[in-house]
Amino acid sequence: MKRDRFGRFKRKYRTARKMSKRAAATIARKVRKLREEGYPVKQSVAIAYAYARRHGFKIPRRKRRR
C-alpha cells in the first residue's frame, strides 16, 4: 500500500463514519461510568446507546436478533 505525505497508509475507498466523534465520546464516557457502578458490559453498552439516541445523537440502527 502507498503512504500519503504524512506517512499514513492511503485507502482506496473511504467509508463514512458510523457516528460523530462527539457521540462516540459520549457513549464511551457513559459506558465507563456504568461499568464503575457494576453493570455488565453488554448492558452498559445498551444503556449508553439508548441514552445517546434519547439525547438526539444520530446512532446506527439496532441490529435485529433472530
N, C-alpha and C. Protein backbone atom coordinates (compact mmCIF):
# COMPACT_ATOMS: atom_id res chain seq x y z
N MET A 1 0.83 -1.18 0.00
CA MET A 1 0.00 0.00 0.00
C MET A 1 0.87 1.24 0.00
N LYS A 2 0.37 2.28 -0.63
CA LYS A 2 1.11 3.53 -0.66
C LYS A 2 0.82 4.34 0.59
N ARG A 3 1.73 5.25 0.87
CA ARG A 3 1.55 6.15 2.02
C ARG A 3 1.38 7.57 1.52
N ASP A 4 0.64 8.39 2.29
CA ASP A 4 0.49 9.79 1.92
C ASP A 4 1.67 10.59 2.46
N ARG A 5 1.61 11.90 2.32
CA ARG A 5 2.76 12.71 2.70
C ARG A 5 3.00 12.77 4.21
N PHE A 6 2.02 12.32 5.01
CA PHE A 6 2.17 12.29 6.46
C PHE A 6 2.62 10.93 6.96
N GLY A 7 2.81 9.97 6.06
CA GLY A 7 3.26 8.65 6.44
C GLY A 7 2.15 7.67 6.74
N ARG A 8 0.88 8.11 6.58
CA ARG A 8 -0.25 7.21 6.82
C ARG A 8 -0.54 6.42 5.56
N PHE A 9 -1.10 5.23 5.72
CA PHE A 9 -1.46 4.42 4.57
C PHE A 9 -2.64 5.05 3.85
N LYS A 10 -2.57 5.06 2.52
CA LYS A 10 -3.69 5.57 1.73
C LYS A 10 -4.71 4.46 1.56
N ARG A 11 -5.96 4.81 1.69
CA ARG A 11 -7.02 3.84 1.47
C ARG A 11 -7.59 4.05 0.10
N LYS A 12 -7.97 2.95 -0.53
CA LYS A 12 -8.54 3.05 -1.86
C LYS A 12 -9.94 3.67 -1.80
N TYR A 13 -10.72 3.23 -0.83
CA TYR A 13 -12.07 3.75 -0.67
C TYR A 13 -12.24 4.24 0.76
N ARG A 14 -12.88 5.38 0.92
CA ARG A 14 -13.14 5.90 2.26
C ARG A 14 -14.59 5.63 2.62
N THR A 15 -14.82 5.13 3.82
CA THR A 15 -16.19 4.87 4.26
C THR A 15 -16.61 5.99 5.20
N ALA A 16 -17.90 6.24 5.24
CA ALA A 16 -18.42 7.29 6.11
C ALA A 16 -18.37 6.82 7.56
N ARG A 17 -18.28 7.79 8.47
CA ARG A 17 -18.29 7.46 9.89
C ARG A 17 -19.66 6.95 10.27
N LYS A 18 -19.71 6.02 11.19
CA LYS A 18 -20.99 5.48 11.64
C LYS A 18 -21.69 6.47 12.57
N MET A 19 -20.91 7.24 13.33
CA MET A 19 -21.48 8.26 14.21
C MET A 19 -20.44 9.35 14.40
N SER A 20 -20.85 10.48 14.93
CA SER A 20 -19.93 11.60 15.13
C SER A 20 -18.94 11.29 16.26
N LYS A 21 -17.85 12.03 16.28
CA LYS A 21 -16.85 11.83 17.33
C LYS A 21 -17.44 12.16 18.70
N ARG A 22 -18.29 13.19 18.73
CA ARG A 22 -18.90 13.60 19.99
C ARG A 22 -19.83 12.51 20.51
N ALA A 23 -20.59 11.89 19.61
CA ALA A 23 -21.49 10.81 20.03
C ALA A 23 -20.68 9.63 20.56
N ALA A 24 -19.60 9.28 19.87
CA ALA A 24 -18.75 8.17 20.32
C ALA A 24 -18.14 8.46 21.69
N ALA A 25 -17.72 9.71 21.90
CA ALA A 25 -17.13 10.08 23.18
C ALA A 25 -18.17 10.02 24.30
N THR A 26 -19.40 10.46 23.98
CA THR A 26 -20.48 10.42 24.97
C THR A 26 -20.79 8.99 25.38
N ILE A 27 -20.86 8.11 24.38
CA ILE A 27 -21.16 6.70 24.65
C ILE A 27 -20.04 6.07 25.49
N ALA A 28 -18.79 6.34 25.12
CA ALA A 28 -17.65 5.78 25.85
C ALA A 28 -17.65 6.25 27.30
N ARG A 29 -17.93 7.52 27.51
CA ARG A 29 -17.96 8.08 28.87
C ARG A 29 -19.07 7.43 29.70
N LYS A 30 -20.25 7.26 29.08
CA LYS A 30 -21.39 6.66 29.77
C LYS A 30 -21.12 5.19 30.11
N VAL A 31 -20.50 4.46 29.18
CA VAL A 31 -20.18 3.04 29.41
C VAL A 31 -19.20 2.93 30.58
N ARG A 32 -18.19 3.77 30.59
CA ARG A 32 -17.19 3.73 31.66
C ARG A 32 -17.86 3.98 33.02
N LYS A 33 -18.76 4.97 33.06
CA LYS A 33 -19.45 5.28 34.32
C LYS A 33 -20.32 4.11 34.78
N LEU A 34 -21.05 3.50 33.84
CA LEU A 34 -21.92 2.37 34.18
C LEU A 34 -21.11 1.16 34.64
N ARG A 35 -19.95 0.94 34.02
CA ARG A 35 -19.09 -0.19 34.43
C ARG A 35 -18.59 0.01 35.85
N GLU A 36 -18.27 1.26 36.19
CA GLU A 36 -17.82 1.55 37.56
C GLU A 36 -18.94 1.30 38.57
N GLU A 37 -20.19 1.49 38.12
CA GLU A 37 -21.33 1.25 39.00
C GLU A 37 -21.65 -0.23 39.15
N GLY A 38 -21.02 -1.07 38.31
CA GLY A 38 -21.18 -2.51 38.46
C GLY A 38 -22.06 -3.20 37.44
N TYR A 39 -22.46 -2.48 36.38
CA TYR A 39 -23.27 -3.10 35.34
C TYR A 39 -22.41 -4.02 34.47
N PRO A 40 -22.99 -5.09 33.90
CA PRO A 40 -22.25 -5.92 32.96
C PRO A 40 -21.94 -5.13 31.68
N VAL A 41 -20.96 -5.57 30.91
CA VAL A 41 -20.51 -4.84 29.73
C VAL A 41 -21.64 -4.66 28.72
N LYS A 42 -22.30 -5.75 28.34
CA LYS A 42 -23.34 -5.66 27.31
C LYS A 42 -24.48 -4.74 27.74
N GLN A 43 -24.85 -4.83 29.00
CA GLN A 43 -25.95 -4.00 29.49
C GLN A 43 -25.55 -2.53 29.52
N SER A 44 -24.32 -2.25 29.93
CA SER A 44 -23.87 -0.86 29.97
C SER A 44 -23.78 -0.26 28.58
N VAL A 45 -23.37 -1.04 27.60
CA VAL A 45 -23.32 -0.56 26.21
C VAL A 45 -24.73 -0.27 25.71
N ALA A 46 -25.67 -1.16 26.00
CA ALA A 46 -27.05 -0.97 25.56
C ALA A 46 -27.65 0.29 26.19
N ILE A 47 -27.40 0.49 27.47
CA ILE A 47 -27.91 1.68 28.15
C ILE A 47 -27.30 2.94 27.56
N ALA A 48 -26.00 2.90 27.28
CA ALA A 48 -25.31 4.08 26.73
C ALA A 48 -25.84 4.44 25.35
N TYR A 49 -26.07 3.43 24.49
CA TYR A 49 -26.62 3.71 23.17
C TYR A 49 -28.03 4.27 23.28
N ALA A 50 -28.84 3.72 24.16
CA ALA A 50 -30.21 4.23 24.35
C ALA A 50 -30.17 5.68 24.84
N TYR A 51 -29.25 5.99 25.74
CA TYR A 51 -29.09 7.34 26.26
C TYR A 51 -28.73 8.30 25.12
N ALA A 52 -27.79 7.90 24.27
CA ALA A 52 -27.37 8.75 23.16
C ALA A 52 -28.51 8.98 22.17
N ARG A 53 -29.27 7.93 21.88
CA ARG A 53 -30.41 8.09 20.97
C ARG A 53 -31.44 9.04 21.54
N ARG A 54 -31.72 8.89 22.84
CA ARG A 54 -32.70 9.75 23.51
C ARG A 54 -32.29 11.21 23.47
N HIS A 55 -30.99 11.47 23.51
CA HIS A 55 -30.49 12.83 23.54
C HIS A 55 -30.20 13.39 22.14
N GLY A 56 -30.68 12.71 21.10
CA GLY A 56 -30.65 13.27 19.76
C GLY A 56 -29.42 12.97 18.91
N PHE A 57 -28.50 12.16 19.41
CA PHE A 57 -27.35 11.80 18.58
C PHE A 57 -27.81 10.83 17.50
N LYS A 58 -27.21 10.94 16.33
CA LYS A 58 -27.57 10.03 15.25
C LYS A 58 -26.68 8.79 15.35
N ILE A 59 -27.29 7.72 15.80
CA ILE A 59 -26.60 6.46 16.06
C ILE A 59 -27.14 5.43 15.08
N PRO A 60 -26.30 4.49 14.60
CA PRO A 60 -26.80 3.44 13.71
C PRO A 60 -27.95 2.66 14.34
N ARG A 61 -28.83 2.16 13.51
CA ARG A 61 -29.98 1.41 13.99
C ARG A 61 -29.55 0.15 14.71
N ARG A 62 -30.42 -0.34 15.58
CA ARG A 62 -30.16 -1.59 16.29
C ARG A 62 -30.18 -2.75 15.30
N LYS A 63 -29.31 -3.72 15.51
CA LYS A 63 -29.34 -4.90 14.65
C LYS A 63 -30.44 -5.83 15.15
N ARG A 64 -31.14 -6.43 14.22
CA ARG A 64 -32.22 -7.36 14.58
C ARG A 64 -31.65 -8.69 15.01
N ARG A 65 -32.12 -9.21 16.12
CA ARG A 65 -31.68 -10.53 16.57
C ARG A 65 -32.67 -11.56 16.06
N ARG A 66 -32.17 -12.71 15.69
CA ARG A 66 -33.04 -13.76 15.17
C ARG A 66 -33.40 -14.75 16.22
